[in-house]
Structure formats: structure tokens, C-alpha cells
Amino acid sequence: MKLLLSLLLTASSAMAFMPRMTSVSSSSSSTQLAESFTGAKDISALTKDLKTVFTTEQIDEILPHRYPFALVDKVIEYEAGKRAVGVKCVTKNEEFFNGHFPSRPIMPGVMQVEALAQLAGIVCLQMEGAAPGAVFFFAGVDGVKWKKPVVPGDTLVMEVEIKKWNAKFGLAKATGKAYVDGGLVVEVDEMTFALAK
């Protein structure tokens, strides 16, 4: 949890380091001047204590999803059989931004829920009765609330918790939330998954 708080604070702390721009008269050679400049090294150091539990290559060994539908870049916290915290770096190169929307790119809400589901899959596919690379299907989703748009340049920090796992029938239930810059952007009360047999 300490790592999650550190990451969530990182984004808002980084904003404090960002240059403040001040308008100047049009007669000057520059229209804006930076009052302060922190630099990449110091801003990058804000996340130095975050450890990667699963890299993108290790996630590929667990999940069957591939480009353009692989939506978890890394896992930074993991409790076997219970929960995980993962990161999705949202870039303007995402395939879905071509149509959603060309003049105002917004990550589709269903893709945010899918990213949470994939993070839950990383936990579930390492539990007894499931094999890495197996396919989990959505069987239901309830209580989804979107709080604000997710746009290119955002870092989507997701947390899921497995509430129920039935190895015999390959059924799982989970909850999930995702944040950008420390603010809640989406929450899901319940996701239900069925392991393909």
C-alpha cells in the first residue's frame, strides 16, 4: 500500500515541479517564460522506490492478450491470490484513439474496465486450478462508475482485489479501481470471470 500511495503522490508531486508559465507582452521575443525548471532527473527520481513485480514480458507469459489489446504494462504490487496494483501508460499511439475521438482523444470506458479485468486475470491465472495463458471470459460486470476522462499522457494506476475464486468451476469475482494523478477515474463494484475449459 505504501508503494501505491507513493505512486499516486508522484504524479501530483511532479505537477508541483513542472515549470510555471507566465504570459509576457506580445512585443517580447517569447510569449511565455519558465519561472522554474526542475529537470528530468529529479522528476524521474520521484518513482525510484517503486519496484516492478511483473514486467511486460512476464505479463505476456501469464496473459494471452497481445497488441493492440494488452492493457497492463507492469505490476508494481502483488499479493498472491488476493490483489494487485498495475500500471497502464496511456499514449496517443493507442489504436482506439483513431476513432475515439479524432479531435478529442478519450480512452473508452470499456477499455478501462478491460484493463482492470486483465489485471485481475494476472492474479487469477496464478491461482490453483488455472494455468498461465488460459483464457478468462467476462461473465458479468456490475456497479461501474466513471469519474473523469482518461486521455493520452495519463498513467492509469489500477488496483484489483479478488473477492471469490471457485477453482472447481473456474469462476472468479473481483472489484477494481483506477486512478490518474491520485484521482479516482473508474471503479467497478464487481467483475465476474469464467475460465474457459
N, C-alpha and C. Protein backbone atom coordinates (compact mmCIF):
# COMPACT_ATOMS: atom_id res chain seq x y z
N MET A 1 0.83 -1.18 0.00
CA MET A 1 0.00 0.00 0.00
C MET A 1 0.88 1.25 0.00
N LYS A 2 2.03 1.17 0.70
CA LYS A 2 2.94 2.31 0.75
C LYS A 2 3.42 2.68 -0.65
N LEU A 3 3.68 1.64 -1.49
CA LEU A 3 4.12 1.89 -2.86
C LEU A 3 3.03 2.56 -3.67
N LEU A 4 1.77 2.11 -3.48
CA LEU A 4 0.66 2.71 -4.21
C LEU A 4 0.53 4.19 -3.85
N LEU A 5 0.59 4.48 -2.56
CA LEU A 5 0.49 5.88 -2.15
C LEU A 5 1.63 6.69 -2.72
N SER A 6 2.83 6.09 -2.75
CA SER A 6 3.98 6.79 -3.31
C SER A 6 3.75 7.12 -4.77
N LEU A 7 3.22 6.14 -5.53
CA LEU A 7 2.98 6.38 -6.96
C LEU A 7 1.90 7.42 -7.17
N LEU A 8 0.84 7.32 -6.37
CA LEU A 8 -0.26 8.28 -6.54
C LEU A 8 0.20 9.69 -6.20
N LEU A 9 1.07 9.81 -5.20
CA LEU A 9 1.57 11.13 -4.84
C LEU A 9 2.59 11.63 -5.85
N THR A 10 3.24 10.69 -6.55
CA THR A 10 4.26 11.06 -7.51
C THR A 10 3.72 11.99 -8.58
N ALA A 11 2.58 11.63 -9.13
CA ALA A 11 2.02 12.43 -10.22
C ALA A 11 1.70 13.85 -9.74
N SER A 12 1.07 13.95 -8.56
CA SER A 12 0.75 15.29 -8.09
C SER A 12 2.00 16.05 -7.67
N SER A 13 3.01 15.32 -7.15
CA SER A 13 4.27 15.97 -6.79
C SER A 13 4.98 16.46 -8.05
N ALA A 14 4.93 15.65 -9.10
CA ALA A 14 5.58 16.04 -10.35
C ALA A 14 4.96 17.31 -10.90
N MET A 15 3.66 17.46 -10.73
CA MET A 15 3.00 18.67 -11.21
C MET A 15 3.54 19.90 -10.48
N ALA A 16 3.92 19.72 -9.21
CA ALA A 16 4.46 20.85 -8.46
C ALA A 16 5.82 21.27 -9.01
N PHE A 17 6.55 20.30 -9.62
CA PHE A 17 7.86 20.59 -10.18
C PHE A 17 7.79 21.15 -11.59
N MET A 18 6.63 20.98 -12.24
CA MET A 18 6.52 21.39 -13.64
C MET A 18 6.71 22.90 -13.74
N PRO A 19 7.30 23.34 -14.83
CA PRO A 19 7.54 24.78 -15.00
C PRO A 19 6.24 25.56 -15.00
N ARG A 20 6.24 26.68 -14.31
CA ARG A 20 5.09 27.57 -14.32
C ARG A 20 5.31 28.56 -15.45
N MET A 21 4.32 28.66 -16.30
CA MET A 21 4.46 29.53 -17.46
C MET A 21 3.75 30.86 -17.19
N THR A 22 4.39 31.93 -17.55
CA THR A 22 3.84 33.27 -17.37
C THR A 22 3.76 33.97 -18.72
N SER A 23 2.61 34.56 -19.01
CA SER A 23 2.47 35.29 -20.27
C SER A 23 3.24 36.60 -20.19
N VAL A 24 3.84 36.96 -21.30
CA VAL A 24 4.53 38.25 -21.39
C VAL A 24 3.94 39.01 -22.55
N SER A 25 4.26 40.26 -22.66
CA SER A 25 3.67 41.08 -23.72
C SER A 25 4.07 40.56 -25.09
N SER A 26 3.22 40.81 -26.06
CA SER A 26 3.47 40.32 -27.42
C SER A 26 4.68 40.98 -28.06
N SER A 27 5.16 42.05 -27.46
CA SER A 27 6.33 42.72 -28.04
C SER A 27 7.63 41.99 -27.72
N SER A 28 7.60 41.09 -26.72
CA SER A 28 8.83 40.36 -26.40
C SER A 28 9.04 39.23 -27.39
N SER A 29 10.26 38.72 -27.47
CA SER A 29 10.57 37.67 -28.44
C SER A 29 9.94 36.34 -28.06
N SER A 30 9.56 36.16 -26.79
CA SER A 30 8.94 34.92 -26.34
C SER A 30 7.59 35.24 -25.74
N THR A 31 6.62 34.37 -25.95
CA THR A 31 5.30 34.61 -25.38
C THR A 31 5.17 34.02 -23.99
N GLN A 32 6.06 33.11 -23.62
CA GLN A 32 6.00 32.51 -22.29
C GLN A 32 7.41 32.28 -21.76
N LEU A 33 7.58 32.42 -20.46
CA LEU A 33 8.85 32.17 -19.81
C LEU A 33 8.64 31.19 -18.67
N ALA A 34 9.60 30.28 -18.45
CA ALA A 34 9.52 29.36 -17.33
C ALA A 34 10.12 30.02 -16.10
N GLU A 35 9.36 30.03 -15.00
CA GLU A 35 9.86 30.61 -13.76
C GLU A 35 10.76 29.64 -13.01
N SER A 36 10.50 28.36 -13.17
CA SER A 36 11.33 27.35 -12.51
C SER A 36 11.45 26.14 -13.43
N PHE A 37 12.53 25.43 -13.25
CA PHE A 37 12.76 24.25 -14.08
C PHE A 37 13.45 23.21 -13.22
N THR A 38 12.78 22.07 -13.01
CA THR A 38 13.33 21.03 -12.14
C THR A 38 14.22 20.09 -12.92
N GLY A 39 13.78 19.66 -14.09
CA GLY A 39 14.56 18.76 -14.91
C GLY A 39 14.12 17.30 -14.78
N ALA A 40 14.44 16.54 -15.80
CA ALA A 40 14.00 15.15 -15.91
C ALA A 40 14.54 14.27 -14.79
N LYS A 41 15.80 14.45 -14.41
CA LYS A 41 16.42 13.58 -13.40
C LYS A 41 15.65 13.63 -12.09
N ASP A 42 15.35 14.84 -11.59
CA ASP A 42 14.67 14.96 -10.30
C ASP A 42 13.22 14.49 -10.38
N ILE A 43 12.56 14.77 -11.47
CA ILE A 43 11.18 14.30 -11.61
C ILE A 43 11.16 12.78 -11.73
N SER A 44 12.07 12.21 -12.49
CA SER A 44 12.16 10.76 -12.63
C SER A 44 12.44 10.09 -11.29
N ALA A 45 13.23 10.72 -10.44
CA ALA A 45 13.60 10.15 -9.14
C ALA A 45 12.40 9.99 -8.21
N LEU A 46 11.29 10.66 -8.50
CA LEU A 46 10.11 10.55 -7.65
C LEU A 46 9.58 9.12 -7.60
N THR A 47 9.85 8.32 -8.62
CA THR A 47 9.34 6.94 -8.66
C THR A 47 10.44 5.91 -8.40
N LYS A 48 11.61 6.33 -7.92
CA LYS A 48 12.74 5.41 -7.77
C LYS A 48 12.48 4.28 -6.78
N ASP A 49 11.59 4.48 -5.81
CA ASP A 49 11.33 3.45 -4.82
C ASP A 49 10.28 2.42 -5.27
N LEU A 50 9.65 2.66 -6.41
CA LEU A 50 8.68 1.69 -6.92
C LEU A 50 9.42 0.51 -7.53
N LYS A 51 9.01 -0.68 -7.14
CA LYS A 51 9.61 -1.89 -7.66
C LYS A 51 8.64 -2.55 -8.63
N THR A 52 9.16 -3.09 -9.72
CA THR A 52 8.32 -3.82 -10.66
C THR A 52 8.26 -5.28 -10.23
N VAL A 53 7.06 -5.77 -9.97
CA VAL A 53 6.87 -7.16 -9.57
C VAL A 53 6.80 -8.05 -10.81
N PHE A 54 6.03 -7.61 -11.82
CA PHE A 54 5.94 -8.32 -13.10
C PHE A 54 6.21 -7.33 -14.22
N THR A 55 7.19 -7.61 -15.05
CA THR A 55 7.48 -6.79 -16.22
C THR A 55 6.49 -7.10 -17.32
N THR A 56 6.53 -6.31 -18.38
CA THR A 56 5.62 -6.56 -19.51
C THR A 56 5.88 -7.94 -20.13
N GLU A 57 7.14 -8.38 -20.16
CA GLU A 57 7.45 -9.71 -20.71
C GLU A 57 6.89 -10.81 -19.82
N GLN A 58 6.96 -10.62 -18.50
CA GLN A 58 6.40 -11.61 -17.58
C GLN A 58 4.88 -11.64 -17.66
N ILE A 59 4.27 -10.48 -17.87
CA ILE A 59 2.82 -10.43 -18.05
C ILE A 59 2.41 -11.21 -19.29
N ASP A 60 3.22 -11.12 -20.36
CA ASP A 60 2.93 -11.87 -21.59
C ASP A 60 2.98 -13.38 -21.36
N GLU A 61 3.73 -13.83 -20.36
CA GLU A 61 3.77 -15.25 -20.04
C GLU A 61 2.54 -15.70 -19.27
N ILE A 62 1.85 -14.74 -18.65
CA ILE A 62 0.66 -15.05 -17.84
C ILE A 62 -0.62 -14.86 -18.64
N LEU A 63 -0.74 -13.71 -19.31
CA LEU A 63 -1.96 -13.37 -20.04
C LEU A 63 -1.82 -13.70 -21.54
N PRO A 64 -2.90 -14.09 -22.19
CA PRO A 64 -2.85 -14.35 -23.63
C PRO A 64 -3.01 -13.08 -24.49
N HIS A 65 -3.35 -11.96 -23.89
CA HIS A 65 -3.62 -10.72 -24.64
C HIS A 65 -2.36 -10.19 -25.30
N ARG A 66 -2.51 -9.68 -26.52
CA ARG A 66 -1.40 -9.10 -27.26
C ARG A 66 -1.86 -7.79 -27.92
N TYR A 67 -0.90 -7.04 -28.45
CA TYR A 67 -1.19 -5.78 -29.12
C TYR A 67 -2.28 -5.99 -30.17
N PRO A 68 -3.24 -5.11 -30.27
CA PRO A 68 -3.40 -3.84 -29.56
C PRO A 68 -4.27 -3.94 -28.31
N PHE A 69 -4.39 -5.17 -27.77
CA PHE A 69 -5.32 -5.36 -26.66
C PHE A 69 -4.64 -5.73 -25.35
N ALA A 70 -3.33 -5.57 -25.24
CA ALA A 70 -2.63 -5.79 -23.98
C ALA A 70 -2.64 -4.48 -23.20
N LEU A 71 -3.32 -4.45 -22.06
CA LEU A 71 -3.60 -3.19 -21.38
C LEU A 71 -2.98 -3.06 -19.99
N VAL A 72 -2.04 -3.93 -19.65
CA VAL A 72 -1.29 -3.79 -18.39
C VAL A 72 0.19 -3.77 -18.75
N ASP A 73 0.87 -2.66 -18.45
CA ASP A 73 2.29 -2.53 -18.79
C ASP A 73 3.20 -3.16 -17.75
N LYS A 74 2.84 -3.03 -16.47
CA LYS A 74 3.62 -3.68 -15.42
C LYS A 74 2.78 -3.77 -14.16
N VAL A 75 3.22 -4.66 -13.26
CA VAL A 75 2.58 -4.82 -11.96
C VAL A 75 3.58 -4.36 -10.91
N ILE A 76 3.14 -3.48 -10.01
CA ILE A 76 4.06 -2.93 -9.01
C ILE A 76 3.76 -3.40 -7.59
N GLU A 77 2.59 -3.99 -7.38
CA GLU A 77 2.28 -4.64 -6.10
C GLU A 77 1.48 -5.88 -6.41
N TYR A 78 1.73 -6.93 -5.61
CA TYR A 78 1.06 -8.21 -5.87
C TYR A 78 1.00 -9.01 -4.59
N GLU A 79 -0.20 -9.47 -4.27
CA GLU A 79 -0.39 -10.40 -3.16
C GLU A 79 -1.07 -11.63 -3.75
N ALA A 80 -0.35 -12.73 -3.79
CA ALA A 80 -0.81 -13.94 -4.47
C ALA A 80 -2.22 -14.33 -4.02
N GLY A 81 -3.08 -14.55 -5.03
CA GLY A 81 -4.44 -14.98 -4.77
C GLY A 81 -5.38 -13.92 -4.23
N LYS A 82 -4.88 -12.71 -4.03
CA LYS A 82 -5.72 -11.69 -3.40
C LYS A 82 -5.87 -10.40 -4.19
N ARG A 83 -4.74 -9.75 -4.51
CA ARG A 83 -4.86 -8.43 -5.14
C ARG A 83 -3.58 -8.05 -5.86
N ALA A 84 -3.71 -6.97 -6.66
CA ALA A 84 -2.55 -6.46 -7.39
C ALA A 84 -2.76 -4.99 -7.73
N VAL A 85 -1.65 -4.30 -7.93
CA VAL A 85 -1.65 -2.93 -8.43
C VAL A 85 -0.85 -2.94 -9.72
N GLY A 86 -1.44 -2.44 -10.78
CA GLY A 86 -0.78 -2.43 -12.08
C GLY A 86 -0.85 -1.06 -12.73
N VAL A 87 -0.04 -0.88 -13.77
CA VAL A 87 0.08 0.40 -14.44
C VAL A 87 -0.16 0.23 -15.94
N LYS A 88 -0.94 1.15 -16.49
CA LYS A 88 -1.12 1.25 -17.94
C LYS A 88 -0.75 2.68 -18.33
N CYS A 89 0.31 2.83 -19.11
CA CYS A 89 0.70 4.15 -19.61
C CYS A 89 -0.09 4.42 -20.88
N VAL A 90 -0.94 5.42 -20.84
CA VAL A 90 -1.84 5.72 -21.96
C VAL A 90 -1.11 6.68 -22.91
N THR A 91 -0.93 6.25 -24.16
CA THR A 91 -0.25 7.10 -25.13
C THR A 91 -1.17 7.43 -26.30
N LYS A 92 -0.82 8.48 -27.04
CA LYS A 92 -1.64 8.86 -28.19
C LYS A 92 -1.54 7.84 -29.32
N ASN A 93 -0.63 6.87 -29.19
CA ASN A 93 -0.48 5.83 -30.21
C ASN A 93 -1.44 4.66 -30.03
N GLU A 94 -2.30 4.71 -29.02
CA GLU A 94 -3.26 3.62 -28.81
C GLU A 94 -4.19 3.54 -30.02
N GLU A 95 -4.46 2.34 -30.45
CA GLU A 95 -5.29 2.10 -31.65
C GLU A 95 -6.68 2.72 -31.52
N PHE A 96 -7.27 2.64 -30.33
CA PHE A 96 -8.65 3.12 -30.18
C PHE A 96 -8.79 4.63 -30.31
N PHE A 97 -7.69 5.39 -30.15
CA PHE A 97 -7.79 6.84 -30.29
C PHE A 97 -8.03 7.28 -31.74
N ASN A 98 -7.80 6.38 -32.70
CA ASN A 98 -8.08 6.71 -34.10
C ASN A 98 -9.55 7.06 -34.30
N GLY A 99 -10.42 6.45 -33.52
CA GLY A 99 -11.84 6.72 -33.70
C GLY A 99 -12.54 7.25 -32.46
N HIS A 100 -11.84 7.34 -31.34
CA HIS A 100 -12.49 7.71 -30.07
C HIS A 100 -11.71 8.78 -29.34
N PHE A 101 -11.73 9.97 -29.67
CA PHE A 101 -12.31 10.62 -30.83
C PHE A 101 -11.17 11.34 -31.53
N PRO A 102 -11.16 11.42 -32.86
CA PRO A 102 -10.02 12.00 -33.57
C PRO A 102 -9.64 13.41 -33.10
N SER A 103 -10.62 14.23 -32.79
CA SER A 103 -10.30 15.60 -32.38
C SER A 103 -10.23 15.77 -30.86
N ARG A 104 -10.66 14.77 -30.11
CA ARG A 104 -10.60 14.82 -28.65
C ARG A 104 -10.41 13.41 -28.12
N PRO A 105 -9.16 12.90 -28.10
CA PRO A 105 -8.93 11.51 -27.71
C PRO A 105 -9.25 11.24 -26.24
N ILE A 106 -10.12 10.25 -26.02
CA ILE A 106 -10.51 9.81 -24.69
C ILE A 106 -10.46 8.28 -24.68
N MET A 107 -9.81 7.70 -23.68
CA MET A 107 -9.77 6.24 -23.56
C MET A 107 -11.18 5.73 -23.28
N PRO A 108 -11.70 4.84 -24.13
CA PRO A 108 -13.06 4.33 -23.92
C PRO A 108 -13.20 3.71 -22.53
N GLY A 109 -14.34 3.98 -21.90
CA GLY A 109 -14.58 3.42 -20.56
C GLY A 109 -14.51 1.91 -20.53
N VAL A 110 -14.99 1.27 -21.58
CA VAL A 110 -14.95 -0.20 -21.61
C VAL A 110 -13.50 -0.70 -21.65
N MET A 111 -12.60 0.09 -22.23
CA MET A 111 -11.18 -0.30 -22.26
C MET A 111 -10.56 -0.15 -20.87
N GLN A 112 -11.03 0.83 -20.11
CA GLN A 112 -10.57 0.97 -18.73
C GLN A 112 -11.00 -0.24 -17.90
N VAL A 113 -12.24 -0.67 -18.09
CA VAL A 113 -12.74 -1.86 -17.38
C VAL A 113 -11.98 -3.10 -17.84
N GLU A 114 -11.70 -3.19 -19.14
CA GLU A 114 -10.92 -4.32 -19.66
C GLU A 114 -9.52 -4.34 -19.05
N ALA A 115 -8.90 -3.17 -18.88
CA ALA A 115 -7.57 -3.11 -18.26
C ALA A 115 -7.63 -3.64 -16.83
N LEU A 116 -8.67 -3.26 -16.09
CA LEU A 116 -8.86 -3.79 -14.73
C LEU A 116 -9.06 -5.30 -14.76
N ALA A 117 -9.83 -5.78 -15.74
CA ALA A 117 -10.07 -7.22 -15.87
C ALA A 117 -8.77 -7.98 -16.16
N GLN A 118 -7.92 -7.41 -17.01
CA GLN A 118 -6.64 -8.06 -17.30
C GLN A 118 -5.76 -8.12 -16.06
N LEU A 119 -5.78 -7.06 -15.25
CA LEU A 119 -5.02 -7.08 -14.01
C LEU A 119 -5.55 -8.17 -13.08
N ALA A 120 -6.87 -8.30 -13.01
CA ALA A 120 -7.47 -9.38 -12.21
C ALA A 120 -7.06 -10.74 -12.77
N GLY A 121 -6.97 -10.84 -14.10
CA GLY A 121 -6.54 -12.08 -14.73
C GLY A 121 -5.13 -12.48 -14.34
N ILE A 122 -4.26 -11.49 -14.15
CA ILE A 122 -2.88 -11.77 -13.73
C ILE A 122 -2.88 -12.46 -12.37
N VAL A 123 -3.78 -12.03 -11.48
CA VAL A 123 -3.89 -12.66 -10.16
C VAL A 123 -4.52 -14.04 -10.30
N CYS A 124 -5.67 -14.12 -10.98
CA CYS A 124 -6.42 -15.37 -11.07
C CYS A 124 -5.67 -16.47 -11.81
N LEU A 125 -4.94 -16.13 -12.85
CA LEU A 125 -4.25 -17.15 -13.64
C LEU A 125 -3.03 -17.73 -12.94
N GLN A 126 -2.75 -17.26 -11.74
CA GLN A 126 -1.67 -17.83 -10.95
C GLN A 126 -2.21 -18.54 -9.71
N MET A 127 -3.53 -18.73 -9.68
CA MET A 127 -4.16 -19.42 -8.55
C MET A 127 -4.34 -20.90 -8.89
N GLU A 128 -4.53 -21.69 -7.86
CA GLU A 128 -4.73 -23.13 -8.05
C GLU A 128 -5.94 -23.37 -8.95
N GLY A 129 -5.77 -24.23 -9.94
CA GLY A 129 -6.86 -24.56 -10.85
C GLY A 129 -6.84 -23.77 -12.14
N ALA A 130 -5.91 -22.83 -12.28
CA ALA A 130 -5.80 -22.04 -13.52
C ALA A 130 -4.36 -22.13 -14.02
N ALA A 131 -4.21 -22.08 -15.33
CA ALA A 131 -2.87 -22.15 -15.91
C ALA A 131 -2.55 -20.84 -16.62
N PRO A 132 -1.31 -20.33 -16.47
CA PRO A 132 -0.94 -19.12 -17.20
C PRO A 132 -1.24 -19.25 -18.69
N GLY A 133 -1.77 -18.19 -19.27
CA GLY A 133 -2.10 -18.21 -20.69
C GLY A 133 -3.50 -18.72 -20.97
N ALA A 134 -4.18 -19.27 -19.95
CA ALA A 134 -5.56 -19.72 -20.14
C ALA A 134 -6.42 -18.48 -20.40
N VAL A 135 -7.62 -18.70 -20.88
CA VAL A 135 -8.50 -17.58 -21.22
C VAL A 135 -9.62 -17.47 -20.20
N PHE A 136 -9.76 -16.26 -19.64
CA PHE A 136 -10.88 -15.94 -18.78
C PHE A 136 -11.85 -15.11 -19.60
N PHE A 137 -13.12 -15.42 -19.51
CA PHE A 137 -14.14 -14.63 -20.19
C PHE A 137 -14.89 -13.79 -19.17
N PHE A 138 -15.28 -12.58 -19.59
CA PHE A 138 -16.17 -11.78 -18.76
C PHE A 138 -17.51 -12.51 -18.68
N ALA A 139 -18.03 -12.69 -17.48
CA ALA A 139 -19.35 -13.29 -17.30
C ALA A 139 -20.33 -12.24 -16.78
N GLY A 140 -19.79 -11.11 -16.32
CA GLY A 140 -20.66 -10.04 -15.84
C GLY A 140 -19.85 -8.91 -15.24
N VAL A 141 -20.44 -7.74 -15.24
CA VAL A 141 -19.83 -6.59 -14.61
C VAL A 141 -20.95 -5.72 -14.05
N ASP A 142 -20.80 -5.30 -12.79
CA ASP A 142 -21.83 -4.51 -12.11
C ASP A 142 -21.21 -3.33 -11.38
N GLY A 143 -21.98 -2.26 -11.29
CA GLY A 143 -21.59 -1.11 -10.49
C GLY A 143 -20.39 -0.37 -11.02
N VAL A 144 -20.38 -0.09 -12.34
CA VAL A 144 -19.27 0.66 -12.93
C VAL A 144 -19.60 2.15 -12.86
N LYS A 145 -18.62 2.93 -12.40
CA LYS A 145 -18.79 4.39 -12.36
C LYS A 145 -17.53 5.03 -12.91
N TRP A 146 -17.71 5.92 -13.89
CA TRP A 146 -16.59 6.68 -14.44
C TRP A 146 -16.64 8.07 -13.84
N LYS A 147 -15.49 8.56 -13.40
CA LYS A 147 -15.43 9.84 -12.71
C LYS A 147 -14.88 10.97 -13.57
N LYS A 148 -13.92 10.67 -14.44
CA LYS A 148 -13.36 11.69 -15.33
C LYS A 148 -12.67 11.01 -16.50
N PRO A 149 -12.49 11.73 -17.61
CA PRO A 149 -11.88 11.11 -18.80
C PRO A 149 -10.41 10.75 -18.57
N VAL A 150 -10.00 9.68 -19.25
CA VAL A 150 -8.59 9.27 -19.29
C VAL A 150 -8.10 9.60 -20.70
N VAL A 151 -7.01 10.35 -20.78
CA VAL A 151 -6.54 10.89 -22.06
C VAL A 151 -5.07 10.53 -22.29
N PRO A 152 -4.58 10.71 -23.53
CA PRO A 152 -3.17 10.44 -23.81
C PRO A 152 -2.26 11.22 -22.85
N GLY A 153 -1.22 10.55 -22.37
CA GLY A 153 -0.30 11.15 -21.42
C GLY A 153 -0.60 10.77 -19.98
N ASP A 154 -1.80 10.22 -19.73
CA ASP A 154 -2.15 9.79 -18.38
C ASP A 154 -1.47 8.47 -18.04
N THR A 155 -1.21 8.28 -16.76
CA THR A 155 -0.75 6.99 -16.25
C THR A 155 -1.90 6.43 -15.42
N LEU A 156 -2.48 5.35 -15.92
CA LEU A 156 -3.62 4.71 -15.26
C LEU A 156 -3.06 3.72 -14.24
N VAL A 157 -3.27 4.02 -12.95
CA VAL A 157 -2.80 3.14 -11.88
C VAL A 157 -4.01 2.39 -11.36
N MET A 158 -3.97 1.06 -11.51
CA MET A 158 -5.15 0.22 -11.25
C MET A 158 -4.91 -0.68 -10.05
N GLU A 159 -6.00 -0.96 -9.34
CA GLU A 159 -5.94 -1.89 -8.22
C GLU A 159 -7.15 -2.82 -8.29
N VAL A 160 -6.90 -4.11 -8.18
CA VAL A 160 -7.99 -5.09 -8.16
C VAL A 160 -7.84 -5.97 -6.93
N GLU A 161 -8.98 -6.46 -6.48
CA GLU A 161 -8.99 -7.40 -5.36
C GLU A 161 -9.91 -8.55 -5.72
N ILE A 162 -9.41 -9.77 -5.56
CA ILE A 162 -10.21 -10.96 -5.84
C ILE A 162 -11.08 -11.24 -4.61
N LYS A 163 -12.38 -11.28 -4.82
CA LYS A 163 -13.32 -11.49 -3.72
C LYS A 163 -13.73 -12.95 -3.58
N LYS A 164 -13.72 -13.67 -4.71
CA LYS A 164 -14.15 -15.06 -4.69
C LYS A 164 -13.45 -15.83 -5.79
N TRP A 165 -13.04 -17.06 -5.50
CA TRP A 165 -12.43 -17.91 -6.52
C TRP A 165 -12.93 -19.33 -6.31
N ASN A 166 -13.56 -19.90 -7.33
CA ASN A 166 -14.03 -21.27 -7.29
C ASN A 166 -13.23 -22.05 -8.33
N ALA A 167 -12.19 -22.75 -7.87
CA ALA A 167 -11.29 -23.47 -8.77
C ALA A 167 -12.03 -24.59 -9.51
N LYS A 168 -12.98 -25.25 -8.85
CA LYS A 168 -13.70 -26.37 -9.46
C LYS A 168 -14.45 -25.94 -10.72
N PHE A 169 -15.10 -24.78 -10.65
CA PHE A 169 -15.89 -24.30 -11.79
C PHE A 169 -15.17 -23.21 -12.59
N GLY A 170 -14.01 -22.79 -12.13
CA GLY A 170 -13.25 -21.76 -12.84
C GLY A 170 -13.94 -20.41 -12.85
N LEU A 171 -14.55 -20.04 -11.71
CA LEU A 171 -15.26 -18.77 -11.61
C LEU A 171 -14.57 -17.85 -10.61
N ALA A 172 -14.50 -16.59 -10.94
CA ALA A 172 -13.88 -15.60 -10.06
C ALA A 172 -14.72 -14.33 -10.02
N LYS A 173 -14.66 -13.65 -8.87
CA LYS A 173 -15.29 -12.34 -8.72
C LYS A 173 -14.25 -11.39 -8.17
N ALA A 174 -14.25 -10.15 -8.69
CA ALA A 174 -13.25 -9.16 -8.27
C ALA A 174 -13.85 -7.77 -8.27
N THR A 175 -13.20 -6.87 -7.53
CA THR A 175 -13.54 -5.45 -7.58
C THR A 175 -12.31 -4.72 -8.13
N GLY A 176 -12.52 -3.49 -8.59
CA GLY A 176 -11.39 -2.75 -9.13
C GLY A 176 -11.60 -1.25 -9.11
N LYS A 177 -10.46 -0.53 -9.05
CA LYS A 177 -10.47 0.93 -9.13
C LYS A 177 -9.24 1.35 -9.92
N ALA A 178 -9.33 2.51 -10.55
CA ALA A 178 -8.18 3.05 -11.26
C ALA A 178 -8.09 4.55 -11.01
N TYR A 179 -6.85 5.04 -10.97
CA TYR A 179 -6.58 6.43 -10.63
C TYR A 179 -5.66 7.06 -11.66
N VAL A 180 -5.80 8.36 -11.83
CA VAL A 180 -4.86 9.16 -12.62
C VAL A 180 -4.49 10.37 -11.76
N ASP A 181 -3.21 10.60 -11.57
CA ASP A 181 -2.73 11.71 -10.75
C ASP A 181 -3.37 11.73 -9.36
N GLY A 182 -3.60 10.54 -8.80
CA GLY A 182 -4.15 10.44 -7.45
C GLY A 182 -5.66 10.58 -7.37
N GLY A 183 -6.31 10.85 -8.50
CA GLY A 183 -7.77 10.99 -8.51
C GLY A 183 -8.44 9.77 -9.11
N LEU A 184 -9.53 9.34 -8.50
CA LEU A 184 -10.28 8.18 -8.98
C LEU A 184 -10.90 8.48 -10.34
N VAL A 185 -10.68 7.60 -11.33
CA VAL A 185 -11.28 7.80 -12.66
C VAL A 185 -12.33 6.75 -12.98
N VAL A 186 -12.19 5.54 -12.42
CA VAL A 186 -13.19 4.49 -12.66
C VAL A 186 -13.18 3.52 -11.48
N GLU A 187 -14.37 3.04 -11.14
CA GLU A 187 -14.47 1.99 -10.12
C GLU A 187 -15.51 0.97 -10.56
N VAL A 188 -15.25 -0.28 -10.21
CA VAL A 188 -16.13 -1.39 -10.56
C VAL A 188 -16.44 -2.16 -9.28
N ASP A 189 -17.73 -2.25 -8.95
CA ASP A 189 -18.13 -2.97 -7.74
C ASP A 189 -17.90 -4.47 -7.86
N GLU A 190 -18.17 -5.02 -9.05
CA GLU A 190 -18.00 -6.47 -9.21
C GLU A 190 -17.76 -6.84 -10.68
N MET A 191 -16.69 -7.60 -10.89
CA MET A 191 -16.42 -8.22 -12.19
C MET A 191 -16.48 -9.72 -11.98
N THR A 192 -17.18 -10.43 -12.87
CA THR A 192 -17.27 -11.88 -12.79
C THR A 192 -16.59 -12.48 -14.01
N PHE A 193 -15.76 -13.50 -13.77
CA PHE A 193 -15.00 -14.15 -14.84
C PHE A 193 -15.23 -15.65 -14.84
N ALA A 194 -15.19 -16.24 -16.02
CA ALA A 194 -15.30 -17.68 -16.16
C ALA A 194 -14.11 -18.19 -16.95
N LEU A 195 -13.40 -19.15 -16.39
CA LEU A 195 -12.23 -19.74 -17.03
C LEU A 195 -12.69 -20.69 -18.13
N ALA A 196 -12.17 -20.49 -19.33
CA ALA A 196 -12.54 -21.36 -20.45
C ALA A 196 -12.02 -22.76 -20.17
N LYS A 197 -12.87 -23.74 -20.35
CA LYS A 197 -12.48 -25.14 -20.09
C LYS A 197 -12.24 -25.87 -21.39
